[in-house]
Amino acid sequence: MGSRRGICLKRQRKGALTVRGKRRSTMKPLMEKRRRARINDSLNHLKNLILPLTGRDKTRYSKLEKADILEMTVKFLSGIPPVNAKSEDDFFPL
């Protein structure tokens, strides 16, 4: 029985996926797809927020690259004077 167990372990080490490994290999692409969708949704939301604040027409800038959206946001936020907050709770209330 001991030798048989050793054979099974060797097979697993050579590349046979365990149940956990199979589940992980199928879930990883789904998790990545969800992560990318969240990023894209947030970037679209950010674009819809930043365009009116910078005085740009949404219809002219309907197709912006992600890097352009981030650069516009950084430039806009860099131009805002810093606020002297008393604590973190002023920014992130519970």
C-alpha atoms as a PDB file:
ATOM      1  CA  MET A   1       0.000   0.000   0.000  1.00  0.00           C
ATOM      2  CA  GLY A   2       2.839   2.362   0.778  1.00  0.00           C
ATOM      3  CA  SER A   3       4.436   1.863  -2.623  1.00  0.00           C
ATOM      4  CA  ARG A   4       1.143   2.459  -4.354  1.00  0.00           C
ATOM      5  CA  ARG A   5       0.730   5.757  -2.564  1.00  0.00           C
ATOM      6  CA  GLY A   6       4.223   6.731  -3.667  1.00  0.00           C
ATOM      7  CA  ILE A   7       3.302   6.038  -7.278  1.00  0.00           C
ATOM      8  CA  CYS A   8       0.247   8.296  -7.065  1.00  0.00           C
ATOM      9  CA  LEU A   9       2.313  11.106  -5.616  1.00  0.00           C
ATOM     10  CA  LYS A  10       4.883  10.716  -8.384  1.00  0.00           C
ATOM     11  CA  ARG A  11       2.151  10.937 -11.005  1.00  0.00           C
ATOM     12  CA  GLN A  12       0.859  14.127  -9.450  1.00  0.00           C
ATOM     13  CA  ARG A  13       4.324  15.614  -9.457  1.00  0.00           C
ATOM     14  CA  LYS A  14       4.837  14.749 -13.118  1.00  0.00           C
ATOM     15  CA  GLY A  15       1.962  16.954 -14.221  1.00  0.00           C
ATOM     16  CA  ALA A  16      -1.352  15.299 -13.428  1.00  0.00           C
ATOM     17  CA  LEU A  17      -3.642  17.991 -12.066  1.00  0.00           C
ATOM     18  CA  THR A  18      -5.321  17.462  -8.735  1.00  0.00           C
ATOM     19  CA  VAL A  19      -8.976  18.413  -8.250  1.00  0.00           C
ATOM     20  CA  ARG A  20      -7.878  21.646  -6.642  1.00  0.00           C
ATOM     21  CA  GLY A  21      -5.473  22.382  -9.494  1.00  0.00           C
ATOM     22  CA  LYS A  22      -8.154  21.753 -12.121  1.00  0.00           C
ATOM     23  CA  ARG A  23     -10.563  24.078 -10.368  1.00  0.00           C
ATOM     24  CA  ARG A  24      -7.895  26.747 -10.057  1.00  0.00           C
ATOM     25  CA  SER A  25      -6.956  26.442 -13.725  1.00  0.00           C
ATOM     26  CA  THR A  26     -10.587  26.899 -14.787  1.00  0.00           C
ATOM     27  CA  MET A  27     -11.329  29.687 -12.312  1.00  0.00           C
ATOM     28  CA  LYS A  28      -8.230  31.749 -13.047  1.00  0.00           C
ATOM     29  CA  PRO A  29      -9.352  32.907 -16.534  1.00  0.00           C
ATOM     30  CA  LEU A  30     -12.808  33.742 -15.151  1.00  0.00           C
ATOM     31  CA  MET A  31     -11.328  35.759 -12.311  1.00  0.00           C
ATOM     32  CA  GLU A  32      -9.055  37.590 -14.753  1.00  0.00           C
ATOM     33  CA  LYS A  33     -12.010  38.333 -17.025  1.00  0.00           C
ATOM     34  CA  ARG A  34     -13.973  39.769 -14.085  1.00  0.00           C
ATOM     35  CA  ARG A  35     -10.982  41.825 -12.969  1.00  0.00           C
ATOM     36  CA  ARG A  36     -10.556  43.294 -16.451  1.00  0.00           C
ATOM     37  CA  ALA A  37     -14.289  44.048 -16.639  1.00  0.00           C
ATOM     38  CA  ARG A  38     -14.110  45.904 -13.305  1.00  0.00           C
ATOM     39  CA  ILE A  39     -11.134  47.934 -14.513  1.00  0.00           C
ATOM     40  CA  ASN A  40     -12.864  48.805 -17.785  1.00  0.00           C
ATOM     41  CA  ASP A  41     -16.096  49.768 -16.003  1.00  0.00           C
ATOM     42  CA  SER A  42     -14.179  52.007 -13.615  1.00  0.00           C
ATOM     43  CA  LEU A  43     -12.278  53.642 -16.477  1.00  0.00           C
ATOM     44  CA  ASN A  44     -15.517  54.318 -18.357  1.00  0.00           C
ATOM     45  CA  HIS A  45     -17.026  55.803 -15.208  1.00  0.00           C
ATOM     46  CA  LEU A  46     -13.917  57.925 -14.701  1.00  0.00           C
ATOM     47  CA  LYS A  47     -14.097  59.113 -18.322  1.00  0.00           C
ATOM     48  CA  ASN A  48     -17.736  60.147 -17.858  1.00  0.00           C
ATOM     49  CA  LEU A  49     -16.768  62.077 -14.730  1.00  0.00           C
ATOM     50  CA  ILE A  50     -13.624  63.777 -16.044  1.00  0.00           C
ATOM     51  CA  LEU A  51     -14.776  64.926 -19.490  1.00  0.00           C
ATOM     52  CA  PRO A  52     -17.379  67.448 -18.232  1.00  0.00           C
ATOM     53  CA  LEU A  53     -14.999  68.670 -15.521  1.00  0.00           C
ATOM     54  CA  THR A  54     -12.350  69.452 -18.124  1.00  0.00           C
ATOM     55  CA  GLY A  55     -14.883  71.120 -20.433  1.00  0.00           C
ATOM     56  CA  ARG A  56     -14.663  68.482 -23.132  1.00  0.00           C
ATOM     57  CA  ASP A  57     -17.611  67.180 -25.129  1.00  0.00           C
ATOM     58  CA  LYS A  58     -18.438  63.522 -24.441  1.00  0.00           C
ATOM     59  CA  THR A  59     -19.471  62.937 -28.061  1.00  0.00           C
ATOM     60  CA  ARG A  60     -16.112  64.062 -29.453  1.00  0.00           C
ATOM     61  CA  TYR A  61     -14.174  61.933 -26.975  1.00  0.00           C
ATOM     62  CA  SER A  62     -16.283  58.781 -27.046  1.00  0.00           C
ATOM     63  CA  LYS A  63     -13.305  56.554 -27.924  1.00  0.00           C
ATOM     64  CA  LEU A  64     -10.385  57.337 -25.617  1.00  0.00           C
ATOM     65  CA  GLU A  65      -7.553  55.016 -24.734  1.00  0.00           C
ATOM     66  CA  LYS A  66      -7.212  53.978 -21.119  1.00  0.00           C
ATOM     67  CA  ALA A  67      -3.912  55.805 -20.796  1.00  0.00           C
ATOM     68  CA  ASP A  68      -5.529  59.020 -22.102  1.00  0.00           C
ATOM     69  CA  ILE A  69      -8.292  58.807 -19.514  1.00  0.00           C
ATOM     70  CA  LEU A  70      -5.758  58.315 -16.733  1.00  0.00           C
ATOM     71  CA  GLU A  71      -3.538  61.159 -17.982  1.00  0.00           C
ATOM     72  CA  MET A  72      -6.485  63.559 -18.193  1.00  0.00           C
ATOM     73  CA  THR A  73      -7.505  62.638 -14.664  1.00  0.00           C
ATOM     74  CA  VAL A  74      -3.996  63.086 -13.277  1.00  0.00           C
ATOM     75  CA  LYS A  75      -3.642  66.501 -14.970  1.00  0.00           C
ATOM     76  CA  PHE A  76      -7.022  67.609 -13.670  1.00  0.00           C
ATOM     77  CA  LEU A  77      -6.358  66.443 -10.117  1.00  0.00           C
ATOM     78  CA  SER A  78      -2.871  67.990 -10.156  1.00  0.00           C
ATOM     79  CA  GLY A  79      -4.436  71.370 -10.841  1.00  0.00           C
ATOM     80  CA  ILE A  80      -6.676  71.231  -7.777  1.00  0.00           C
ATOM     81  CA  PRO A  81      -5.161  72.850  -4.693  1.00  0.00           C
ATOM     82  CA  PRO A  82      -4.614  70.436  -1.795  1.00  0.00           C
ATOM     83  CA  VAL A  83      -7.186  70.375   0.964  1.00  0.00           C
ATOM     84  CA  ASN A  84      -5.984  70.473   4.556  1.00  0.00           C
ATOM     85  CA  ALA A  85      -8.011  67.677   6.096  1.00  0.00           C
ATOM     86  CA  LYS A  86      -8.248  67.120   9.799  1.00  0.00           C
ATOM     87  CA  SER A  87      -8.237  63.336   9.490  1.00  0.00           C
ATOM     88  CA  GLU A  88      -8.693  60.468   7.092  1.00  0.00           C
ATOM     89  CA  ASP A  89     -12.353  60.350   8.083  1.00  0.00           C
ATOM     90  CA  ASP A  90     -12.894  63.578   6.138  1.00  0.00           C
ATOM     91  CA  PHE A  91     -12.034  61.678   2.944  1.00  0.00           C
ATOM     92  CA  PHE A  92     -13.263  58.198   3.749  1.00  0.00           C
ATOM     93  CA  PRO A  93     -16.252  58.343   6.102  1.00  0.00           C
ATOM     94  CA  LEU A  94     -17.566  55.045   7.405  1.00  0.00           C
END
